[in-house]
Amino acid sequence: MDAIRSPSVGELSGRDQAKTRALAERLGSSAQRGIFAEAVEFGDVVLVAVLHSAVADVLSTAGAEDEALRRKVLTDCTNAVVSDRFVLDLPAGTSMPEQLAAQAVGAHVVKAFNTCHESVWRLASPAFDGRPLIVPLCGDDPDAVATVRSLVTDIGCEPAEGGRLERAALLEATTAFLIGLWFGGVDTQAMLPPHKYATGA
């Protein structure tokens, strides 16, 4: 879990303190370490970046049910994917960010950054074949979506409005499908035609 107050300052927290310390050292003096509750208190934007099976426990530890995340922008990049079947490990008709919204009282949840392996976000400016990476966003609060949109552009990517949070389930299912294709060796960039052909040539 990461919390961001400004583009140059962030607080990191994790269940493995040794890994958290190593990451903070790699990021430099602008990164600080703390427990989950401290990270949530510190930041205006909180990024949930843990295994989907750990999300509920991590949020509880951070005080989600006690309104610790009220008015915070809670960004969900998790993927609840069953690794050997590439299907979603979620009840039908729901999504991870909707579960977060139900647990984190008063938080403004936005789904984003879930379509790529974490190594992609370490690139200085994710772009492929000269085109910046597009990052879909789903959320119900316009101000929260605008905040995450600015984070997307700050790292050199292009935000794409994905609609309300209810549409996040579609984004997650698409990602699960793509992950299965990637593991099968398929270059999924070749799956879709250019936009001008989207509604017919």
C-alpha atoms as a PDB file:
ATOM      1  CA  MET A   1       0.000   0.000   0.000  1.00  0.00           C
ATOM      2  CA  ASP A   2       1.388   3.382  -1.032  1.00  0.00           C
ATOM      3  CA  ALA A   3       0.137   6.816  -0.032  1.00  0.00           C
ATOM      4  CA  ILE A   4       0.863   9.966  -1.987  1.00  0.00           C
ATOM      5  CA  ARG A   5       0.670  13.558  -0.813  1.00  0.00           C
ATOM      6  CA  SER A   6       2.477  15.122  -3.758  1.00  0.00           C
ATOM      7  CA  PRO A   7       4.292  13.831  -6.850  1.00  0.00           C
ATOM      8  CA  SER A   8       7.618  13.959  -4.996  1.00  0.00           C
ATOM      9  CA  VAL A   9       6.645  12.605  -1.573  1.00  0.00           C
ATOM     10  CA  GLY A  10       5.169   9.242  -0.679  1.00  0.00           C
ATOM     11  CA  GLU A  11       4.825   6.859   2.242  1.00  0.00           C
ATOM     12  CA  LEU A  12       5.148   3.111   1.773  1.00  0.00           C
ATOM     13  CA  SER A  13       3.785   0.305   3.892  1.00  0.00           C
ATOM     14  CA  GLY A  14       3.764  -3.448   3.517  1.00  0.00           C
ATOM     15  CA  ARG A  15       3.378  -6.677   5.416  1.00  0.00           C
ATOM     16  CA  ASP A  16       7.057  -7.522   4.803  1.00  0.00           C
ATOM     17  CA  GLN A  17       8.973  -4.690   6.455  1.00  0.00           C
ATOM     18  CA  ALA A  18      12.310  -5.777   4.945  1.00  0.00           C
ATOM     19  CA  LYS A  19      10.891  -5.471   1.416  1.00  0.00           C
ATOM     20  CA  THR A  20       9.254  -2.168   2.291  1.00  0.00           C
ATOM     21  CA  ARG A  21      12.525  -0.804   3.640  1.00  0.00           C
ATOM     22  CA  ALA A  22      14.407  -1.940   0.523  1.00  0.00           C
ATOM     23  CA  LEU A  23      11.836  -0.274  -1.740  1.00  0.00           C
ATOM     24  CA  ALA A  24      11.965   2.966   0.236  1.00  0.00           C
ATOM     25  CA  GLU A  25      15.756   2.993   0.001  1.00  0.00           C
ATOM     26  CA  ARG A  26      15.589   2.379  -3.758  1.00  0.00           C
ATOM     27  CA  LEU A  27      13.129   5.251  -4.217  1.00  0.00           C
ATOM     28  CA  GLY A  28      15.329   7.665  -2.290  1.00  0.00           C
ATOM     29  CA  SER A  29      14.760  10.347   0.319  1.00  0.00           C
ATOM     30  CA  SER A  30      11.279  11.274  -0.953  1.00  0.00           C
ATOM     31  CA  ALA A  31       9.900   7.905   0.210  1.00  0.00           C
ATOM     32  CA  GLN A  32       9.102   7.153   3.830  1.00  0.00           C
ATOM     33  CA  ARG A  33       8.103   3.922   5.567  1.00  0.00           C
ATOM     34  CA  GLY A  34       5.234   3.363   7.958  1.00  0.00           C
ATOM     35  CA  ILE A  35       2.564   0.931   9.053  1.00  0.00           C
ATOM     36  CA  PHE A  36      -0.644   0.770   7.015  1.00  0.00           C
ATOM     37  CA  ALA A  37      -2.521   3.168   9.297  1.00  0.00           C
ATOM     38  CA  GLU A  38       0.325   5.698   9.093  1.00  0.00           C
ATOM     39  CA  ALA A  39       0.424   5.457   5.306  1.00  0.00           C
ATOM     40  CA  VAL A  40      -3.317   6.095   5.116  1.00  0.00           C
ATOM     41  CA  GLU A  41      -3.119   9.040   7.511  1.00  0.00           C
ATOM     42  CA  PHE A  42      -0.202  10.533   5.565  1.00  0.00           C
ATOM     43  CA  GLY A  43      -1.556  10.479   2.063  1.00  0.00           C
ATOM     44  CA  ASP A  44      -4.400  12.036   0.106  1.00  0.00           C
ATOM     45  CA  VAL A  45      -4.186   9.237  -2.471  1.00  0.00           C
ATOM     46  CA  VAL A  46      -3.768   5.616  -1.374  1.00  0.00           C
ATOM     47  CA  LEU A  47      -2.738   2.899  -3.830  1.00  0.00           C
ATOM     48  CA  VAL A  48      -3.758  -0.649  -2.916  1.00  0.00           C
ATOM     49  CA  ALA A  49      -1.086  -2.846  -4.492  1.00  0.00           C
ATOM     50  CA  VAL A  50      -1.224  -6.187  -2.681  1.00  0.00           C
ATOM     51  CA  LEU A  51      -2.451  -9.664  -3.595  1.00  0.00           C
ATOM     52  CA  HIS A  52      -6.222  -9.591  -3.932  1.00  0.00           C
ATOM     53  CA  SER A  53      -6.548 -12.222  -1.211  1.00  0.00           C
ATOM     54  CA  ALA A  54      -4.887  -9.844   1.268  1.00  0.00           C
ATOM     55  CA  VAL A  55      -6.837  -6.681   0.429  1.00  0.00           C
ATOM     56  CA  ALA A  56      -9.567  -7.045   3.066  1.00  0.00           C
ATOM     57  CA  ASP A  57      -7.070  -7.691   5.877  1.00  0.00           C
ATOM     58  CA  VAL A  58      -4.798  -4.840   4.786  1.00  0.00           C
ATOM     59  CA  LEU A  59      -7.698  -2.382   4.661  1.00  0.00           C
ATOM     60  CA  SER A  60      -8.905  -3.505   8.082  1.00  0.00           C
ATOM     61  CA  THR A  61      -5.415  -3.040   9.506  1.00  0.00           C
ATOM     62  CA  ALA A  62      -5.380   0.463   8.005  1.00  0.00           C
ATOM     63  CA  GLY A  63      -8.679   1.314   9.707  1.00  0.00           C
ATOM     64  CA  ALA A  64     -10.983   1.179   6.681  1.00  0.00           C
ATOM     65  CA  GLU A  65     -14.095   0.289   8.673  1.00  0.00           C
ATOM     66  CA  ASP A  66     -13.351   3.091  11.143  1.00  0.00           C
ATOM     67  CA  GLU A  67     -13.401   5.746   8.415  1.00  0.00           C
ATOM     68  CA  ALA A  68      -9.614   6.139   8.238  1.00  0.00           C
ATOM     69  CA  LEU A  69      -9.992   6.413   4.458  1.00  0.00           C
ATOM     70  CA  ARG A  70     -12.893   8.860   4.441  1.00  0.00           C
ATOM     71  CA  ARG A  71     -12.455  11.453   1.649  1.00  0.00           C
ATOM     72  CA  LYS A  72      -9.253   9.706   0.515  1.00  0.00           C
ATOM     73  CA  VAL A  73      -8.765   8.675  -3.103  1.00  0.00           C
ATOM     74  CA  LEU A  74      -8.393   4.900  -2.864  1.00  0.00           C
ATOM     75  CA  THR A  75      -6.830   3.576  -6.069  1.00  0.00           C
ATOM     76  CA  ASP A  76      -7.189  -0.133  -6.762  1.00  0.00           C
ATOM     77  CA  CYS A  77      -4.741  -1.832  -9.130  1.00  0.00           C
ATOM     78  CA  THR A  78      -5.367  -5.392  -7.954  1.00  0.00           C
ATOM     79  CA  ASN A  79      -6.363  -8.316 -10.154  1.00  0.00           C
ATOM     80  CA  ALA A  80      -8.318 -11.160  -8.565  1.00  0.00           C
ATOM     81  CA  VAL A  81      -7.137 -13.713 -11.111  1.00  0.00           C
ATOM     82  CA  VAL A  82      -6.914 -17.468 -10.528  1.00  0.00           C
ATOM     83  CA  SER A  83      -3.385 -18.038 -11.773  1.00  0.00           C
ATOM     84  CA  ASP A  84      -3.795 -21.446 -13.397  1.00  0.00           C
ATOM     85  CA  ARG A  85      -7.192 -20.766 -15.025  1.00  0.00           C
ATOM     86  CA  PHE A  86      -7.061 -17.017 -15.765  1.00  0.00           C
ATOM     87  CA  VAL A  87     -10.581 -16.368 -14.476  1.00  0.00           C
ATOM     88  CA  LEU A  88     -11.687 -13.979 -11.754  1.00  0.00           C
ATOM     89  CA  ASP A  89     -11.786 -15.148  -8.147  1.00  0.00           C
ATOM     90  CA  LEU A  90     -14.812 -12.981  -7.323  1.00  0.00           C
ATOM     91  CA  PRO A  91     -18.548 -13.472  -6.814  1.00  0.00           C
ATOM     92  CA  ALA A  92     -20.479 -12.986 -10.036  1.00  0.00           C
ATOM     93  CA  GLY A  93     -21.548  -9.420 -10.699  1.00  0.00           C
ATOM     94  CA  THR A  94     -18.985  -7.737  -8.459  1.00  0.00           C
ATOM     95  CA  SER A  95     -15.468  -6.322  -8.714  1.00  0.00           C
ATOM     96  CA  MET A  96     -12.495  -5.635  -6.471  1.00  0.00           C
ATOM     97  CA  PRO A  97     -13.036  -1.838  -6.315  1.00  0.00           C
ATOM     98  CA  GLU A  98     -16.699  -2.335  -5.425  1.00  0.00           C
ATOM     99  CA  GLN A  99     -15.590  -4.562  -2.552  1.00  0.00           C
ATOM    100  CA  LEU A 100     -13.094  -1.893  -1.489  1.00  0.00           C
ATOM    101  CA  ALA A 101     -15.801   0.763  -1.614  1.00  0.00           C
ATOM    102  CA  ALA A 102     -18.053  -1.334   0.596  1.00  0.00           C
ATOM    103  CA  GLN A 103     -15.311  -1.865   3.180  1.00  0.00           C
ATOM    104  CA  ALA A 104     -13.517   1.504   3.164  1.00  0.00           C
ATOM    105  CA  VAL A 105     -16.162   3.781   4.638  1.00  0.00           C
ATOM    106  CA  GLY A 106     -16.252   7.165   2.906  1.00  0.00           C
ATOM    107  CA  ALA A 107     -13.378   6.472   0.480  1.00  0.00           C
ATOM    108  CA  HIS A 108     -13.518   7.519  -3.168  1.00  0.00           C
ATOM    109  CA  VAL A 109     -12.451   4.386  -5.053  1.00  0.00           C
ATOM    110  CA  VAL A 110     -10.940   4.450  -8.535  1.00  0.00           C
ATOM    111  CA  LYS A 111      -9.877   1.400 -10.534  1.00  0.00           C
ATOM    112  CA  ALA A 112      -6.635   2.022 -12.451  1.00  0.00           C
ATOM    113  CA  PHE A 113      -3.170   0.643 -13.254  1.00  0.00           C
ATOM    114  CA  ASN A 114      -4.366  -2.990 -13.339  1.00  0.00           C
ATOM    115  CA  THR A 115      -3.734  -3.851 -16.993  1.00  0.00           C
ATOM    116  CA  CYS A 116       0.058  -4.206 -16.799  1.00  0.00           C
ATOM    117  CA  HIS A 117       2.695  -6.128 -14.913  1.00  0.00           C
ATOM    118  CA  GLU A 118       4.179  -4.021 -12.129  1.00  0.00           C
ATOM    119  CA  SER A 119       7.496  -3.790 -13.986  1.00  0.00           C
ATOM    120  CA  VAL A 120       5.831  -1.600 -16.633  1.00  0.00           C
ATOM    121  CA  TRP A 121       5.133   1.093 -14.039  1.00  0.00           C
ATOM    122  CA  ARG A 122       8.849   1.226 -13.251  1.00  0.00           C
ATOM    123  CA  LEU A 123       9.628   2.504 -16.753  1.00  0.00           C
ATOM    124  CA  ALA A 124      10.538   6.178 -16.935  1.00  0.00           C
ATOM    125  CA  SER A 125       7.715   6.855 -19.375  1.00  0.00           C
ATOM    126  CA  PRO A 126       5.739   3.792 -20.484  1.00  0.00           C
ATOM    127  CA  ALA A 127       5.437   4.023 -24.267  1.00  0.00           C
ATOM    128  CA  PHE A 128       5.493   1.293 -26.899  1.00  0.00           C
ATOM    129  CA  ASP A 129       6.093   1.760 -30.623  1.00  0.00           C
ATOM    130  CA  GLY A 130       6.081   5.496 -29.973  1.00  0.00           C
ATOM    131  CA  ARG A 131       2.642   5.482 -28.364  1.00  0.00           C
ATOM    132  CA  PRO A 132       2.140   6.301 -24.657  1.00  0.00           C
ATOM    133  CA  LEU A 133       0.459   3.559 -22.686  1.00  0.00           C
ATOM    134  CA  ILE A 134      -3.286   4.068 -22.183  1.00  0.00           C
ATOM    135  CA  VAL A 135      -4.561   3.589 -18.621  1.00  0.00           C
ATOM    136  CA  PRO A 136      -8.326   2.989 -18.230  1.00  0.00           C
ATOM    137  CA  LEU A 137      -9.990   4.558 -15.170  1.00  0.00           C
ATOM    138  CA  CYS A 138     -13.309   3.635 -13.544  1.00  0.00           C
ATOM    139  CA  GLY A 139     -14.804   5.575 -10.649  1.00  0.00           C
ATOM    140  CA  ASP A 140     -17.948   7.251  -9.343  1.00  0.00           C
ATOM    141  CA  ASP A 141     -16.445  10.428  -7.876  1.00  0.00           C
ATOM    142  CA  PRO A 142     -15.393  12.929 -10.592  1.00  0.00           C
ATOM    143  CA  ASP A 143     -12.801  14.644  -8.385  1.00  0.00           C
ATOM    144  CA  ALA A 144     -11.196  11.331  -7.431  1.00  0.00           C
ATOM    145  CA  VAL A 145     -11.066  10.251 -11.071  1.00  0.00           C
ATOM    146  CA  ALA A 146      -9.507  13.616 -11.969  1.00  0.00           C
ATOM    147  CA  THR A 147      -6.838  13.107  -9.306  1.00  0.00           C
ATOM    148  CA  VAL A 148      -5.896   9.675 -10.636  1.00  0.00           C
ATOM    149  CA  ARG A 149      -6.029  11.024 -14.185  1.00  0.00           C
ATOM    150  CA  SER A 150      -3.356  13.550 -13.224  1.00  0.00           C
ATOM    151  CA  LEU A 151      -1.188  10.777 -11.758  1.00  0.00           C
ATOM    152  CA  VAL A 152      -1.504   8.863 -15.032  1.00  0.00           C
ATOM    153  CA  THR A 153      -0.362  11.850 -17.085  1.00  0.00           C
ATOM    154  CA  ASP A 154       2.439  12.578 -14.577  1.00  0.00           C
ATOM    155  CA  ILE A 155       4.081   9.241 -15.441  1.00  0.00           C
ATOM    156  CA  GLY A 156       3.776   9.851 -19.185  1.00  0.00           C
ATOM    157  CA  CYS A 157       0.696   7.717 -19.872  1.00  0.00           C
ATOM    158  CA  GLU A 158      -2.695   8.622 -21.327  1.00  0.00           C
ATOM    159  CA  PRO A 159      -5.840   8.201 -19.193  1.00  0.00           C
ATOM    160  CA  ALA A 160      -8.964   6.688 -20.730  1.00  0.00           C
ATOM    161  CA  GLU A 161     -12.352   7.290 -19.136  1.00  0.00           C
ATOM    162  CA  GLY A 162     -13.804   3.864 -18.439  1.00  0.00           C
ATOM    163  CA  GLY A 163     -17.032   4.996 -16.833  1.00  0.00           C
ATOM    164  CA  ARG A 164     -18.500   4.428 -13.415  1.00  0.00           C
ATOM    165  CA  LEU A 165     -17.184   1.934 -10.871  1.00  0.00           C
ATOM    166  CA  GLU A 166     -19.766  -0.650 -11.955  1.00  0.00           C
ATOM    167  CA  ARG A 167     -17.821  -0.973 -15.229  1.00  0.00           C
ATOM    168  CA  ALA A 168     -14.641  -1.969 -13.379  1.00  0.00           C
ATOM    169  CA  ALA A 169     -15.826  -5.589 -13.493  1.00  0.00           C
ATOM    170  CA  LEU A 170     -15.506  -5.436 -17.283  1.00  0.00           C
ATOM    171  CA  LEU A 171     -11.998  -3.998 -17.018  1.00  0.00           C
ATOM    172  CA  GLU A 172     -10.973  -6.741 -14.591  1.00  0.00           C
ATOM    173  CA  ALA A 173     -12.434  -9.490 -16.777  1.00  0.00           C
ATOM    174  CA  THR A 174     -10.645  -8.066 -19.810  1.00  0.00           C
ATOM    175  CA  THR A 175      -7.370  -8.037 -17.900  1.00  0.00           C
ATOM    176  CA  ALA A 176      -7.830 -11.647 -16.764  1.00  0.00           C
ATOM    177  CA  PHE A 177      -8.453 -12.666 -20.386  1.00  0.00           C
ATOM    178  CA  LEU A 178      -5.366 -10.766 -21.583  1.00  0.00           C
ATOM    179  CA  ILE A 179      -3.166 -12.312 -18.895  1.00  0.00           C
ATOM    180  CA  GLY A 180      -4.183 -15.768 -20.120  1.00  0.00           C
ATOM    181  CA  LEU A 181      -3.272 -14.817 -23.683  1.00  0.00           C
ATOM    182  CA  TRP A 182       0.065 -13.330 -22.581  1.00  0.00           C
ATOM    183  CA  PHE A 183       0.956 -16.528 -20.744  1.00  0.00           C
ATOM    184  CA  GLY A 184       0.117 -18.345 -23.967  1.00  0.00           C
ATOM    185  CA  GLY A 185       2.624 -16.197 -25.874  1.00  0.00           C
ATOM    186  CA  VAL A 186       0.132 -13.979 -27.705  1.00  0.00           C
ATOM    187  CA  ASP A 187       1.069 -10.379 -28.515  1.00  0.00           C
ATOM    188  CA  THR A 188      -2.257  -8.810 -27.590  1.00  0.00           C
ATOM    189  CA  GLN A 189      -1.353  -5.432 -29.115  1.00  0.00           C
ATOM    190  CA  ALA A 190      -2.227  -6.988 -32.459  1.00  0.00           C
ATOM    191  CA  MET A 191      -5.750  -7.948 -31.340  1.00  0.00           C
ATOM    192  CA  LEU A 192      -7.497  -4.645 -31.992  1.00  0.00           C
ATOM    193  CA  PRO A 193      -7.658  -2.516 -35.140  1.00  0.00           C
ATOM    194  CA  PRO A 194      -6.915   1.231 -35.121  1.00  0.00           C
ATOM    195  CA  HIS A 195      -9.696   3.424 -33.777  1.00  0.00           C
ATOM    196  CA  LYS A 196     -10.830   4.536 -37.242  1.00  0.00           C
ATOM    197  CA  TYR A 197     -11.970   0.969 -37.930  1.00  0.00           C
ATOM    198  CA  ALA A 198     -13.766   0.519 -34.597  1.00  0.00           C
ATOM    199  CA  THR A 199     -17.243   1.169 -36.043  1.00  0.00           C
ATOM    200  CA  GLY A 200     -16.657  -0.113 -39.536  1.00  0.00           C
ATOM    201  CA  ALA A 201     -14.329   0.800 -42.381  1.00  0.00           C
END
